[in-house]
Amino acid sequence: MKKITYIVLILSLFSCSKRFKPKTYENEYSELTELNSKDTLFRVSKNEFYEVGDEFAFVNRKGDTIISSEKIHFTFKDTITTFGIVLEKETYDLIGINRKGERIFEVYMYDNGPDYISEGLFRIKKNGKIGFANEKGEIIIKPQFECASSFENGIATVTYDCYLYYDLDEHLRSESESWFEIDKTGKRIE
């Protein structure tokens, strides 16, 4: 009887369709710069093997420090040609940074890390909305969707109205009655 009461209580909490409201920040994003840069930045660390929380820096070919780990907790790439993906120290946001170390967008978190690149695109977030960027970090479909799937066979399923909740296995789920499909340019498929 206690288990049934517990399950009913949990289900009633999630049945309210409470929407998670993201934090929004005005003017917090910079632009992607130097897309055709010939000077790759390389991650260097004091330790032989780089681990979460280690101090590091991104340096250019001359050895000049371009980006320090002062505001970065972890980096997911060991080189930056146009953009990098890092975990910010203060907020623990997963973000894309330009070659100057400035935030260009938030990277959509999937499976405890950055969203996977699928068909050349991955999901990003800006002011709580989801869009898509390419492998160079260029925003291809501006963030405008409440929820979005990754691309498969040239199609992503998206919605402007989405409710998020955790199921009994503590997996984040989304619900909407207004899903639609888009192509890789962001055009709605009828």
Protein backbone atom coordinates (compact mmCIF):
# COMPACT_ATOMS: atom_id res chain seq x y z
CA MET A 1 0.00 0.00 0.00
CA LYS A 2 2.89 2.37 0.77
CA LYS A 3 4.36 1.76 -2.69
CA ILE A 4 1.08 2.58 -4.40
CA THR A 5 0.69 5.77 -2.35
CA TYR A 6 4.25 6.77 -3.22
CA ILE A 7 3.71 6.13 -6.95
CA VAL A 8 0.43 8.09 -6.94
CA LEU A 9 2.16 10.98 -5.17
CA ILE A 10 5.01 11.03 -7.68
CA LEU A 11 2.64 10.82 -10.65
CA SER A 12 0.51 13.64 -9.30
CA LEU A 13 3.57 15.87 -9.00
CA PHE A 14 4.49 15.28 -12.63
CA SER A 15 0.95 15.44 -13.99
CA CYS A 16 0.81 19.18 -13.41
CA SER A 17 2.75 19.67 -16.67
CA LYS A 18 4.98 22.18 -14.97
CA ARG A 19 7.32 23.78 -17.48
CA PHE A 20 10.97 24.28 -16.56
CA LYS A 21 11.90 27.93 -17.06
CA PRO A 22 15.48 28.54 -18.19
CA LYS A 23 17.61 31.40 -16.98
CA THR A 24 17.99 34.11 -19.60
CA TYR A 25 20.75 36.62 -19.82
CA GLU A 26 20.75 39.67 -22.04
CA ASN A 27 23.80 40.30 -24.23
CA GLU A 28 25.77 37.37 -22.84
CA TYR A 29 26.80 35.95 -26.20
CA SER A 30 29.69 36.85 -28.48
CA GLU A 31 30.15 36.10 -32.14
CA LEU A 32 32.16 33.34 -33.73
CA THR A 33 35.34 34.97 -35.01
CA GLU A 34 38.15 34.00 -37.36
CA LEU A 35 36.42 31.07 -39.06
CA ASN A 36 39.27 30.65 -41.52
CA SER A 37 42.06 30.95 -38.99
CA LYS A 38 45.23 29.07 -39.83
CA ASP A 39 46.45 29.24 -36.24
CA THR A 40 44.95 26.34 -34.31
CA LEU A 41 44.87 26.67 -30.53
CA PHE A 42 46.20 23.70 -28.56
CA ARG A 43 45.30 22.70 -25.02
CA VAL A 44 48.32 22.38 -22.74
CA SER A 45 48.21 21.15 -19.16
CA LYS A 46 50.70 20.87 -16.31
CA ASN A 47 49.78 17.20 -15.92
CA GLU A 48 50.71 14.45 -18.36
CA PHE A 49 47.07 13.37 -18.74
CA TYR A 50 44.37 16.05 -18.72
CA GLU A 51 41.52 15.46 -16.25
CA VAL A 52 38.46 17.37 -15.01
CA GLY A 53 39.51 20.34 -12.89
CA ASP A 54 43.16 20.39 -14.05
CA GLU A 55 44.60 23.79 -14.87
CA PHE A 56 45.22 24.21 -18.57
CA ALA A 57 45.48 26.82 -21.28
CA PHE A 58 44.89 27.04 -25.00
CA VAL A 59 48.01 28.32 -26.70
CA ASN A 60 48.77 29.25 -30.31
CA ARG A 61 51.63 27.80 -32.36
CA LYS A 62 53.99 30.43 -30.95
CA GLY A 63 53.20 29.30 -27.40
CA ASP A 64 51.25 32.44 -26.46
CA THR A 65 48.40 31.77 -24.01
CA ILE A 66 45.16 32.77 -25.72
CA ILE A 67 42.60 31.19 -23.34
CA SER A 68 43.33 30.27 -19.72
CA SER A 69 41.39 27.90 -17.48
CA GLU A 70 40.51 30.75 -15.11
CA LYS A 71 36.80 30.55 -16.00
CA ILE A 72 36.74 27.03 -17.45
CA HIS A 73 36.29 23.85 -15.41
CA PHE A 74 36.75 21.35 -18.25
CA THR A 75 37.24 21.31 -22.01
CA PHE A 76 35.84 18.66 -24.35
CA LYS A 77 38.31 19.35 -27.17
CA ASP A 78 42.09 19.50 -27.13
CA THR A 79 42.26 21.92 -30.05
CA ILE A 80 40.27 24.93 -31.17
CA THR A 81 40.21 25.85 -34.84
CA THR A 82 36.98 27.87 -34.89
CA PHE A 83 35.23 27.08 -31.58
CA GLY A 84 35.59 24.90 -28.50
CA ILE A 85 33.19 23.22 -26.09
CA VAL A 86 33.87 23.78 -22.40
CA LEU A 87 32.24 23.51 -18.99
CA GLU A 88 32.12 26.94 -17.39
CA LYS A 89 33.43 27.13 -13.79
CA GLU A 90 30.95 29.55 -12.27
CA THR A 91 27.70 28.23 -13.78
CA TYR A 92 28.68 24.71 -14.88
CA ASP A 93 26.98 25.52 -18.18
CA LEU A 94 28.16 23.57 -21.19
CA ILE A 95 29.09 26.31 -23.66
CA GLY A 96 30.68 26.90 -27.03
CA ILE A 97 33.46 29.50 -26.99
CA ASN A 98 35.12 31.41 -29.79
CA ARG A 99 38.89 31.69 -30.28
CA LYS A 100 38.99 34.51 -27.72
CA GLY A 101 37.35 32.36 -25.02
CA GLU A 102 34.04 34.23 -25.21
CA ARG A 103 30.66 32.44 -24.95
CA ILE A 104 28.97 32.08 -28.36
CA PHE A 105 26.14 29.75 -27.32
CA GLU A 106 25.17 27.13 -24.78
CA VAL A 107 25.59 23.56 -25.99
CA TYR A 108 22.60 21.24 -25.52
CA MET A 109 23.41 18.66 -22.85
CA TYR A 110 22.77 15.08 -23.94
CA ASP A 111 23.82 11.90 -22.19
CA ASN A 112 25.96 13.81 -19.62
CA GLY A 113 27.96 15.66 -22.24
CA PRO A 114 27.67 17.85 -25.32
CA ASP A 115 25.03 16.89 -27.89
CA TYR A 116 26.33 14.52 -30.54
CA ILE A 117 26.91 15.79 -34.05
CA SER A 118 24.27 14.15 -36.24
CA GLU A 119 24.37 14.71 -39.99
CA GLY A 120 26.77 17.63 -39.50
CA LEU A 121 24.62 19.49 -36.93
CA PHE A 122 24.26 19.52 -33.15
CA ARG A 123 21.77 21.19 -30.82
CA ILE A 124 22.60 24.45 -29.09
CA LYS A 125 20.71 26.73 -26.73
CA LYS A 126 20.48 30.47 -26.54
CA ASN A 127 18.31 32.16 -23.90
CA GLY A 128 16.59 28.84 -23.22
CA LYS A 129 15.62 28.11 -26.85
CA ILE A 130 17.06 25.28 -28.97
CA GLY A 131 18.66 25.67 -32.39
CA PHE A 132 21.39 23.95 -34.41
CA ALA A 133 25.05 24.69 -35.19
CA ASN A 134 27.46 22.97 -37.55
CA GLU A 135 30.88 21.44 -36.88
CA LYS A 136 32.53 24.87 -37.32
CA GLY A 137 30.33 26.37 -34.60
CA GLU A 138 28.28 28.42 -37.05
CA ILE A 139 24.63 28.77 -36.05
CA ILE A 140 22.68 27.21 -38.94
CA ILE A 141 19.17 27.23 -37.44
CA LYS A 142 18.72 30.03 -34.91
CA PRO A 143 17.56 28.97 -31.44
CA GLN A 144 13.78 29.26 -31.42
CA PHE A 145 12.37 25.89 -30.36
CA GLU A 146 11.27 24.80 -26.91
CA CYS A 147 12.24 21.15 -27.68
CA ALA A 148 14.01 19.50 -30.63
CA SER A 149 15.32 16.10 -31.64
CA SER A 150 18.63 15.63 -33.42
CA PHE A 151 18.62 15.21 -37.20
CA GLU A 152 17.99 11.81 -38.73
CA ASN A 153 17.63 11.31 -42.49
CA GLY A 154 17.71 15.09 -42.95
CA ILE A 155 14.78 15.71 -40.59
CA ALA A 156 14.47 16.95 -36.98
CA THR A 157 11.27 17.00 -34.95
CA VAL A 158 10.73 20.30 -33.12
CA THR A 159 8.08 22.27 -31.24
CA TYR A 160 7.54 25.79 -29.92
CA ASP A 161 5.47 24.50 -26.99
CA CYS A 162 6.99 21.75 -24.85
CA TYR A 163 6.65 20.51 -21.30
CA LEU A 164 9.56 18.78 -19.60
CA TYR A 165 9.27 16.25 -16.78
CA TYR A 166 11.23 13.41 -15.22
CA ASP A 167 9.77 9.91 -15.50
CA LEU A 168 9.91 7.33 -12.71
CA ASP A 169 13.38 6.24 -13.88
CA GLU A 170 14.54 9.87 -13.55
CA HIS A 171 14.93 10.36 -17.31
CA LEU A 172 14.03 13.78 -18.66
CA ARG A 173 11.06 13.53 -21.02
CA SER A 174 9.27 16.06 -23.21
CA GLU A 175 5.65 16.35 -24.25
CA SER A 176 3.91 18.49 -26.81
CA GLU A 177 0.82 18.31 -28.95
CA SER A 178 2.35 20.50 -31.65
CA TRP A 179 5.48 18.69 -32.91
CA PHE A 180 6.47 19.30 -36.53
CA GLU A 181 9.42 18.41 -38.78
CA ILE A 182 12.09 20.69 -40.24
CA ASP A 183 14.84 20.18 -42.78
CA LYS A 184 18.50 21.08 -42.25
CA THR A 185 17.88 24.70 -43.26
CA GLY A 186 15.16 25.09 -40.62
CA LYS A 187 12.32 25.05 -43.15
CA ARG A 188 9.12 23.40 -41.96
CA ILE A 189 8.29 20.19 -43.82
CA GLU A 190 4.61 20.05 -44.80
